[in-house]
Amino acid sequence: MIPDSFLAWNKFIAKVPQERTVMATYYAAQFCIARSLLAASPSITS
């Protein structure tokens, strides 16, 4: 939710000064989603 908030703020309100922060939170969220999918279904990796 935080990455989406940063992206929306950056697009519609004002530029976020540290765009790397926006992308870092986005990639961290994507990593957590992917990891939770792998943990929930170990047969995916086999």
C-alpha atoms as a PDB file:
ATOM      1  CA  MET A   1       0.000   0.000   0.000  1.00  0.00           C
ATOM      2  CA  ILE A   2       2.876   2.383   0.723  1.00  0.00           C
ATOM      3  CA  PRO A   3       4.425   1.994  -2.756  1.00  0.00           C
ATOM      4  CA  ASP A   4       1.048   2.699  -4.368  1.00  0.00           C
ATOM      5  CA  SER A   5       0.622   5.776  -2.205  1.00  0.00           C
ATOM      6  CA  PHE A   6       4.043   7.048  -3.248  1.00  0.00           C
ATOM      7  CA  LEU A   7       3.253   6.443  -6.921  1.00  0.00           C
ATOM      8  CA  ALA A   8      -0.123   8.195  -6.688  1.00  0.00           C
ATOM      9  CA  TRP A   9       1.362  11.139  -4.788  1.00  0.00           C
ATOM     10  CA  ASN A  10       4.147  11.413  -7.360  1.00  0.00           C
ATOM     11  CA  LYS A  11       1.680  11.370 -10.268  1.00  0.00           C
ATOM     12  CA  PHE A  12      -1.213  13.485  -9.003  1.00  0.00           C
ATOM     13  CA  ILE A  13      -0.028  15.723  -6.139  1.00  0.00           C
ATOM     14  CA  ALA A  14       3.645  16.632  -6.365  1.00  0.00           C
ATOM     15  CA  LYS A  15       6.939  15.090  -7.320  1.00  0.00           C
ATOM     16  CA  VAL A  16       8.455  12.891  -4.650  1.00  0.00           C
ATOM     17  CA  PRO A  17      12.017  14.151  -4.062  1.00  0.00           C
ATOM     18  CA  GLN A  18      13.551  10.690  -3.771  1.00  0.00           C
ATOM     19  CA  GLU A  19      12.162   8.642  -6.648  1.00  0.00           C
ATOM     20  CA  ARG A  20      14.554   5.843  -5.733  1.00  0.00           C
ATOM     21  CA  THR A  21      12.653   5.509  -2.454  1.00  0.00           C
ATOM     22  CA  VAL A  22       9.444   5.019  -4.417  1.00  0.00           C
ATOM     23  CA  MET A  23      10.954   2.274  -6.547  1.00  0.00           C
ATOM     24  CA  ALA A  24      12.681   0.635  -3.577  1.00  0.00           C
ATOM     25  CA  THR A  25       9.379   0.295  -1.705  1.00  0.00           C
ATOM     26  CA  TYR A  26       7.695  -0.965  -4.876  1.00  0.00           C
ATOM     27  CA  TYR A  27      10.308  -3.669  -5.479  1.00  0.00           C
ATOM     28  CA  ALA A  28      10.285  -4.647  -1.797  1.00  0.00           C
ATOM     29  CA  ALA A  29       6.512  -5.124  -1.951  1.00  0.00           C
ATOM     30  CA  GLN A  30       6.804  -7.193  -5.153  1.00  0.00           C
ATOM     31  CA  PHE A  31       9.464  -9.355  -3.494  1.00  0.00           C
ATOM     32  CA  CYS A  32       7.237  -9.952  -0.459  1.00  0.00           C
ATOM     33  CA  ILE A  33       4.300 -10.937  -2.673  1.00  0.00           C
ATOM     34  CA  ALA A  34       6.409 -13.364  -4.690  1.00  0.00           C
ATOM     35  CA  ARG A  35       7.966 -14.862  -1.579  1.00  0.00           C
ATOM     36  CA  SER A  36       4.578 -15.394   0.056  1.00  0.00           C
ATOM     37  CA  LEU A  37       3.353 -17.186  -3.061  1.00  0.00           C
ATOM     38  CA  LEU A  38       6.345 -19.494  -3.034  1.00  0.00           C
ATOM     39  CA  ALA A  39       5.935 -20.184   0.678  1.00  0.00           C
ATOM     40  CA  ALA A  40       2.246 -20.981   0.232  1.00  0.00           C
ATOM     41  CA  SER A  41       2.811 -23.390  -2.647  1.00  0.00           C
ATOM     42  CA  PRO A  42       6.181 -25.214  -2.518  1.00  0.00           C
ATOM     43  CA  SER A  43       5.247 -27.297  -5.583  1.00  0.00           C
ATOM     44  CA  ILE A  44       5.803 -24.226  -7.786  1.00  0.00           C
ATOM     45  CA  THR A  45       9.581 -24.498  -7.337  1.00  0.00           C
ATOM     46  CA  SER A  46       9.670 -28.238  -8.141  1.00  0.00           C
END
